[in-house]
Protein backbone atom coordinates (compact mmCIF):
# COMPACT_ATOMS: atom_id res chain seq x y z
CA UNK A 1 0.00 0.00 0.00
CA UNK A 2 2.88 2.38 0.64
CA UNK A 3 4.10 1.91 -2.91
CA UNK A 4 0.61 2.59 -4.26
CA UNK A 5 0.34 5.66 -2.03
CA UNK A 6 3.57 7.02 -3.42
CA UNK A 7 2.44 6.42 -7.00
CA UNK A 8 -0.93 8.08 -6.38
CA UNK A 9 0.72 11.11 -4.81
CA UNK A 10 3.11 11.39 -7.75
CA UNK A 11 0.23 11.14 -10.22
CA UNK A 12 -1.83 13.77 -8.41
CA UNK A 13 1.11 16.17 -8.15
CA UNK A 14 1.90 15.74 -11.86
CA UNK A 15 -1.74 16.25 -12.77
CA UNK A 16 -1.90 19.41 -10.65
CA UNK A 17 1.15 20.76 -12.47
CA UNK A 18 -0.48 19.91 -15.79
CA UNK A 19 -3.62 21.81 -14.73
CA UNK A 20 -1.58 25.02 -14.82
CA UNK A 21 -1.13 24.53 -18.58
CA UNK A 22 -4.72 23.63 -19.43
CA UNK A 23 -6.50 26.56 -21.02
CA UNK A 24 -9.91 24.99 -21.65
CA UNK A 25 -12.22 24.98 -18.65
CA UNK A 26 -13.82 21.79 -19.95
CA UNK A 27 -10.47 19.97 -20.06
CA UNK A 28 -9.58 21.45 -16.68
CA UNK A 29 -12.79 20.16 -15.11
CA UNK A 30 -12.35 16.74 -16.70
CA UNK A 31 -8.83 16.44 -15.30
CA UNK A 32 -9.97 17.55 -11.84
CA UNK A 33 -12.74 14.93 -11.98
CA UNK A 34 -10.15 12.31 -12.94
CA UNK A 35 -7.89 13.33 -10.05
CA UNK A 36 -10.77 12.98 -7.61
CA UNK A 37 -11.77 9.61 -9.09
CA UNK A 38 -8.23 8.23 -8.69
CA UNK A 39 -8.02 9.56 -5.13
CA UNK A 40 -11.42 8.08 -4.26
CA UNK A 41 -10.44 4.70 -5.72
CA UNK A 42 -7.23 4.69 -3.70
CA UNK A 43 -9.04 5.70 -0.50
CA UNK A 44 -11.56 2.90 -0.98
CA UNK A 45 -8.77 0.37 -1.50
CA UNK A 46 -6.96 1.71 1.56
CA UNK A 47 -10.06 1.34 3.74
CA UNK A 48 -10.51 -2.23 2.50
CA UNK A 49 -6.87 -2.99 3.20
CA UNK A 50 -7.08 -1.56 6.71
CA UNK A 51 -10.26 -3.54 7.40
CA UNK A 52 -8.64 -6.78 6.24
CA UNK A 53 -5.62 -6.33 8.49
CA UNK A 54 -7.54 -5.77 11.70
PDB file of N, CA and C in Angstrom:
ATOM      1  N   UNK A   1       0.823  -1.190   0.000  1.00  0.00           N
ATOM      2  CA  UNK A   1       0.000   0.000   0.000  1.00  0.00           C
ATOM      3  C   UNK A   1       0.871   1.259   0.000  1.00  0.00           C
ATOM      4  N   UNK A   2       2.017   1.195   0.627  1.00  0.00           N
ATOM      5  CA  UNK A   2       2.882   2.380   0.642  1.00  0.00           C
ATOM      6  C   UNK A   2       3.380   2.714  -0.756  1.00  0.00           C
ATOM      7  N   UNK A   3       3.665   1.689  -1.529  1.00  0.00           N
ATOM      8  CA  UNK A   3       4.095   1.908  -2.908  1.00  0.00           C
ATOM      9  C   UNK A   3       2.970   2.544  -3.720  1.00  0.00           C
ATOM     10  N   UNK A   4       1.765   2.031  -3.545  1.00  0.00           N
ATOM     11  CA  UNK A   4       0.609   2.591  -4.256  1.00  0.00           C
ATOM     12  C   UNK A   4       0.375   4.038  -3.827  1.00  0.00           C
ATOM     13  N   UNK A   5       0.527   4.299  -2.534  1.00  0.00           N
ATOM     14  CA  UNK A   5       0.338   5.662  -2.027  1.00  0.00           C
ATOM     15  C   UNK A   5       1.327   6.617  -2.688  1.00  0.00           C
ATOM     16  N   UNK A   6       2.551   6.199  -2.797  1.00  0.00           N
ATOM     17  CA  UNK A   6       3.574   7.024  -3.421  1.00  0.00           C
ATOM     18  C   UNK A   6       3.252   7.287  -4.887  1.00  0.00           C
ATOM     19  N   UNK A   7       2.798   6.259  -5.591  1.00  0.00           N
ATOM     20  CA  UNK A   7       2.445   6.419  -6.998  1.00  0.00           C
ATOM     21  C   UNK A   7       1.245   7.347  -7.174  1.00  0.00           C
ATOM     22  N   UNK A   8       0.266   7.219  -6.308  1.00  0.00           N
ATOM     23  CA  UNK A   8      -0.927   8.081  -6.380  1.00  0.00           C
ATOM     24  C   UNK A   8      -0.538   9.526  -6.123  1.00  0.00           C
ATOM     25  N   UNK A   9       0.283   9.749  -5.110  1.00  0.00           N
ATOM     26  CA  UNK A   9       0.718  11.114  -4.812  1.00  0.00           C
ATOM     27  C   UNK A   9       1.492  11.711  -5.981  1.00  0.00           C
ATOM     28  N   UNK A  10       2.353  10.919  -6.600  1.00  0.00           N
ATOM     29  CA  UNK A  10       3.112  11.395  -7.754  1.00  0.00           C
ATOM     30  C   UNK A  10       2.179  11.752  -8.907  1.00  0.00           C
ATOM     31  N   UNK A  11       1.199  10.887  -9.155  1.00  0.00           N
ATOM     32  CA  UNK A  11       0.231  11.139 -10.222  1.00  0.00           C
ATOM     33  C   UNK A  11      -0.541  12.427  -9.956  1.00  0.00           C
ATOM     34  N   UNK A  12      -1.028  12.589  -8.743  1.00  0.00           N
ATOM     35  CA  UNK A  12      -1.825  13.769  -8.407  1.00  0.00           C
ATOM     36  C   UNK A  12      -0.987  15.035  -8.520  1.00  0.00           C
ATOM     37  N   UNK A  13       0.242  14.996  -8.039  1.00  0.00           N
ATOM     38  CA  UNK A  13       1.108  16.166  -8.152  1.00  0.00           C
ATOM     39  C   UNK A  13       1.405  16.510  -9.613  1.00  0.00           C
ATOM     40  N   UNK A  14       1.648  15.501 -10.426  1.00  0.00           N
ATOM     41  CA  UNK A  14       1.903  15.741 -11.855  1.00  0.00           C
ATOM     42  C   UNK A  14       0.654  16.303 -12.535  1.00  0.00           C
ATOM     43  N   UNK A  15      -0.495  15.767 -12.185  1.00  0.00           N
ATOM     44  CA  UNK A  15      -1.743  16.254 -12.772  1.00  0.00           C
ATOM     45  C   UNK A  15      -2.019  17.699 -12.353  1.00  0.00           C
ATOM     46  N   UNK A  16      -1.719  18.032 -11.113  1.00  0.00           N
ATOM     47  CA  UNK A  16      -1.904  19.414 -10.651  1.00  0.00           C
ATOM     48  C   UNK A  16      -0.987  20.361 -11.417  1.00  0.00           C
ATOM     49  N   UNK A  17       0.236  19.938 -11.684  1.00  0.00           N
ATOM     50  CA  UNK A  17       1.151  20.756 -12.474  1.00  0.00           C
ATOM     51  C   UNK A  17       0.614  20.930 -13.894  1.00  0.00           C
ATOM     52  N   UNK A  18       0.079  19.862 -14.441  1.00  0.00           N
ATOM     53  CA  UNK A  18      -0.475  19.907 -15.791  1.00  0.00           C
ATOM     54  C   UNK A  18      -1.685  20.851 -15.845  1.00  0.00           C
ATOM     55  N   UNK A  19      -2.448  20.922 -14.770  1.00  0.00           N
ATOM     56  CA  UNK A  19      -3.615  21.812 -14.735  1.00  0.00           C
ATOM     57  C   UNK A  19      -3.233  23.264 -15.004  1.00  0.00           C
ATOM     58  N   UNK A  20      -2.037  23.639 -14.609  1.00  0.00           N
ATOM     59  CA  UNK A  20      -1.579  25.016 -14.819  1.00  0.00           C
ATOM     60  C   UNK A  20      -1.471  25.347 -16.299  1.00  0.00           C
ATOM     61  N   UNK A  21      -1.309  24.332 -17.136  1.00  0.00           N
ATOM     62  CA  UNK A  21      -1.128  24.531 -18.575  1.00  0.00           C
ATOM     63  C   UNK A  21      -2.433  24.389 -19.363  1.00  0.00           C
ATOM     64  N   UNK A  22      -3.465  23.879 -18.729  1.00  0.00           N
ATOM     65  CA  UNK A  22      -4.720  23.627 -19.429  1.00  0.00           C
ATOM     66  C   UNK A  22      -5.492  24.939 -19.561  1.00  0.00           C
ATOM     67  N   UNK A  23      -5.821  25.291 -20.794  1.00  0.00           N
ATOM     68  CA  UNK A  23      -6.504  26.559 -21.023  1.00  0.00           C
ATOM     69  C   UNK A  23      -8.022  26.403 -21.129  1.00  0.00           C
ATOM     70  N   UNK A  24      -8.481  25.237 -21.498  1.00  0.00           N
ATOM     71  CA  UNK A  24      -9.910  24.985 -21.647  1.00  0.00           C
ATOM     72  C   UNK A  24     -10.517  24.613 -20.297  1.00  0.00           C
ATOM     73  N   UNK A  25     -11.589  25.291 -19.942  1.00  0.00           N
ATOM     74  CA  UNK A  25     -12.219  24.979 -18.655  1.00  0.00           C
ATOM     75  C   UNK A  25     -12.824  23.584 -18.669  1.00  0.00           C
ATOM     76  N   UNK A  26     -13.258  23.139 -19.850  1.00  0.00           N
ATOM     77  CA  UNK A  26     -13.825  21.791 -19.948  1.00  0.00           C
ATOM     78  C   UNK A  26     -12.757  20.735 -19.691  1.00  0.00           C
ATOM     79  N   UNK A  27     -11.579  20.915 -20.286  1.00  0.00           N
ATOM     80  CA  UNK A  27     -10.472  19.975 -20.060  1.00  0.00           C
ATOM     81  C   UNK A  27      -9.998  20.048 -18.613  1.00  0.00           C
ATOM     82  N   UNK A  28      -9.981  21.256 -18.072  1.00  0.00           N
ATOM     83  CA  UNK A  28      -9.581  21.448 -16.677  1.00  0.00           C
ATOM     84  C   UNK A  28     -10.517  20.672 -15.755  1.00  0.00           C
ATOM     85  N   UNK A  29     -11.809  20.844 -15.956  1.00  0.00           N
ATOM     86  CA  UNK A  29     -12.785  20.164 -15.115  1.00  0.00           C
ATOM     87  C   UNK A  29     -12.704  18.648 -15.262  1.00  0.00           C
ATOM     88  N   UNK A  30     -12.471  18.179 -16.472  1.00  0.00           N
ATOM     89  CA  UNK A  30     -12.350  16.738 -16.702  1.00  0.00           C
ATOM     90  C   UNK A  30     -11.136  16.178 -15.968  1.00  0.00           C
ATOM     91  N   UNK A  31     -10.030  16.900 -15.993  1.00  0.00           N
ATOM     92  CA  UNK A  31      -8.828  16.436 -15.297  1.00  0.00           C
ATOM     93  C   UNK A  31      -9.027  16.461 -13.786  1.00  0.00           C
ATOM     94  N   UNK A  32      -9.681  17.488 -13.277  1.00  0.00           N
ATOM     95  CA  UNK A  32      -9.969  17.549 -11.845  1.00  0.00           C
ATOM     96  C   UNK A  32     -10.860  16.380 -11.450  1.00  0.00           C
ATOM     97  N   UNK A  33     -11.867  16.082 -12.259  1.00  0.00           N
ATOM     98  CA  UNK A  33     -12.737  14.931 -11.979  1.00  0.00           C
ATOM     99  C   UNK A  33     -11.937  13.634 -11.964  1.00  0.00           C
ATOM    100  N   UNK A  34     -10.990  13.511 -12.886  1.00  0.00           N
ATOM    101  CA  UNK A  34     -10.152  12.308 -12.943  1.00  0.00           C
ATOM    102  C   UNK A  34      -9.264  12.207 -11.703  1.00  0.00           C
ATOM    103  N   UNK A  35      -8.716  13.328 -11.259  1.00  0.00           N
ATOM    104  CA  UNK A  35      -7.885  13.328 -10.049  1.00  0.00           C
ATOM    105  C   UNK A  35      -8.699  12.844  -8.859  1.00  0.00           C
ATOM    106  N   UNK A  36      -9.914  13.389  -8.715  1.00  0.00           N
ATOM    107  CA  UNK A  36     -10.768  12.978  -7.609  1.00  0.00           C
ATOM    108  C   UNK A  36     -11.149  11.499  -7.703  1.00  0.00           C
ATOM    109  N   UNK A  37     -11.405  11.013  -8.909  1.00  0.00           N
ATOM    110  CA  UNK A  37     -11.767   9.606  -9.086  1.00  0.00           C
ATOM    111  C   UNK A  37     -10.619   8.689  -8.669  1.00  0.00           C
ATOM    112  N   UNK A  38      -9.401   9.038  -9.062  1.00  0.00           N
ATOM    113  CA  UNK A  38      -8.231   8.232  -8.688  1.00  0.00           C
ATOM    114  C   UNK A  38      -8.046   8.259  -7.174  1.00  0.00           C
ATOM    115  N   UNK A  39      -8.173   9.438  -6.584  1.00  0.00           N
ATOM    116  CA  UNK A  39      -8.016   9.556  -5.130  1.00  0.00           C
ATOM    117  C   UNK A  39      -9.103   8.758  -4.402  1.00  0.00           C
ATOM    118  N   UNK A  40     -10.329   8.835  -4.884  1.00  0.00           N
ATOM    119  CA  UNK A  40     -11.422   8.079  -4.265  1.00  0.00           C
ATOM    120  C   UNK A  40     -11.197   6.575  -4.369  1.00  0.00           C
ATOM    121  N   UNK A  41     -10.718   6.131  -5.531  1.00  0.00           N
ATOM    122  CA  UNK A  41     -10.442   4.704  -5.721  1.00  0.00           C
ATOM    123  C   UNK A  41      -9.346   4.237  -4.769  1.00  0.00           C
ATOM    124  N   UNK A  42      -8.304   5.039  -4.624  1.00  0.00           N
ATOM    125  CA  UNK A  42      -7.225   4.690  -3.697  1.00  0.00           C
ATOM    126  C   UNK A  42      -7.748   4.655  -2.261  1.00  0.00           C
ATOM    127  N   UNK A  43      -8.520   5.653  -1.874  1.00  0.00           N
ATOM    128  CA  UNK A  43      -9.040   5.702  -0.503  1.00  0.00           C
ATOM    129  C   UNK A  43      -9.936   4.510  -0.197  1.00  0.00           C
ATOM    130  N   UNK A  44     -10.723   4.085  -1.167  1.00  0.00           N
ATOM    131  CA  UNK A  44     -11.560   2.896  -0.984  1.00  0.00           C
ATOM    132  C   UNK A  44     -10.692   1.658  -0.789  1.00  0.00           C
ATOM    133  N   UNK A  45      -9.679   1.516  -1.626  1.00  0.00           N
ATOM    134  CA  UNK A  45      -8.766   0.369  -1.504  1.00  0.00           C
ATOM    135  C   UNK A  45      -8.035   0.402  -0.166  1.00  0.00           C
ATOM    136  N   UNK A  46      -7.653   1.583   0.279  1.00  0.00           N
ATOM    137  CA  UNK A  46      -6.958   1.710   1.560  1.00  0.00           C
ATOM    138  C   UNK A  46      -7.870   1.303   2.713  1.00  0.00           C
ATOM    139  N   UNK A  47      -9.118   1.725   2.683  1.00  0.00           N
ATOM    140  CA  UNK A  47     -10.060   1.338   3.737  1.00  0.00           C
ATOM    141  C   UNK A  47     -10.269  -0.176   3.758  1.00  0.00           C
ATOM    142  N   UNK A  48     -10.366  -0.779   2.574  1.00  0.00           N
ATOM    143  CA  UNK A  48     -10.515  -2.231   2.503  1.00  0.00           C
ATOM    144  C   UNK A  48      -9.283  -2.941   3.036  1.00  0.00           C
ATOM    145  N   UNK A  49      -8.121  -2.416   2.707  1.00  0.00           N
ATOM    146  CA  UNK A  49      -6.868  -2.987   3.200  1.00  0.00           C
ATOM    147  C   UNK A  49      -6.796  -2.908   4.719  1.00  0.00           C
ATOM    148  N   UNK A  50      -7.117  -1.745   5.256  1.00  0.00           N
ATOM    149  CA  UNK A  50      -7.075  -1.562   6.708  1.00  0.00           C
ATOM    150  C   UNK A  50      -8.074  -2.496   7.391  1.00  0.00           C
ATOM    151  N   UNK A  51      -9.248  -2.663   6.813  1.00  0.00           N
ATOM    152  CA  UNK A  51     -10.263  -3.541   7.400  1.00  0.00           C
ATOM    153  C   UNK A  51      -9.808  -4.990   7.379  1.00  0.00           C
ATOM    154  N   UNK A  52      -9.067  -5.379   6.353  1.00  0.00           N
ATOM    155  CA  UNK A  52      -8.637  -6.775   6.236  1.00  0.00           C
ATOM    156  C   UNK A  52      -7.461  -7.109   7.156  1.00  0.00           C
ATOM    157  N   UNK A  53      -6.773  -6.084   7.643  1.00  0.00           N
ATOM    158  CA  UNK A  53      -5.617  -6.331   8.492  1.00  0.00           C
ATOM    159  C   UNK A  53      -5.927  -6.169   9.980  1.00  0.00           C
ATOM    160  N   UNK A  54      -7.157  -5.926  10.283  1.00  0.00           N
ATOM    161  CA  UNK A  54      -7.544  -5.767  11.699  1.00  0.00           C
ATOM    162  C   UNK A  54      -7.893  -7.074  12.321  1.00  0.00           C
TER     163      UNK A  54
END
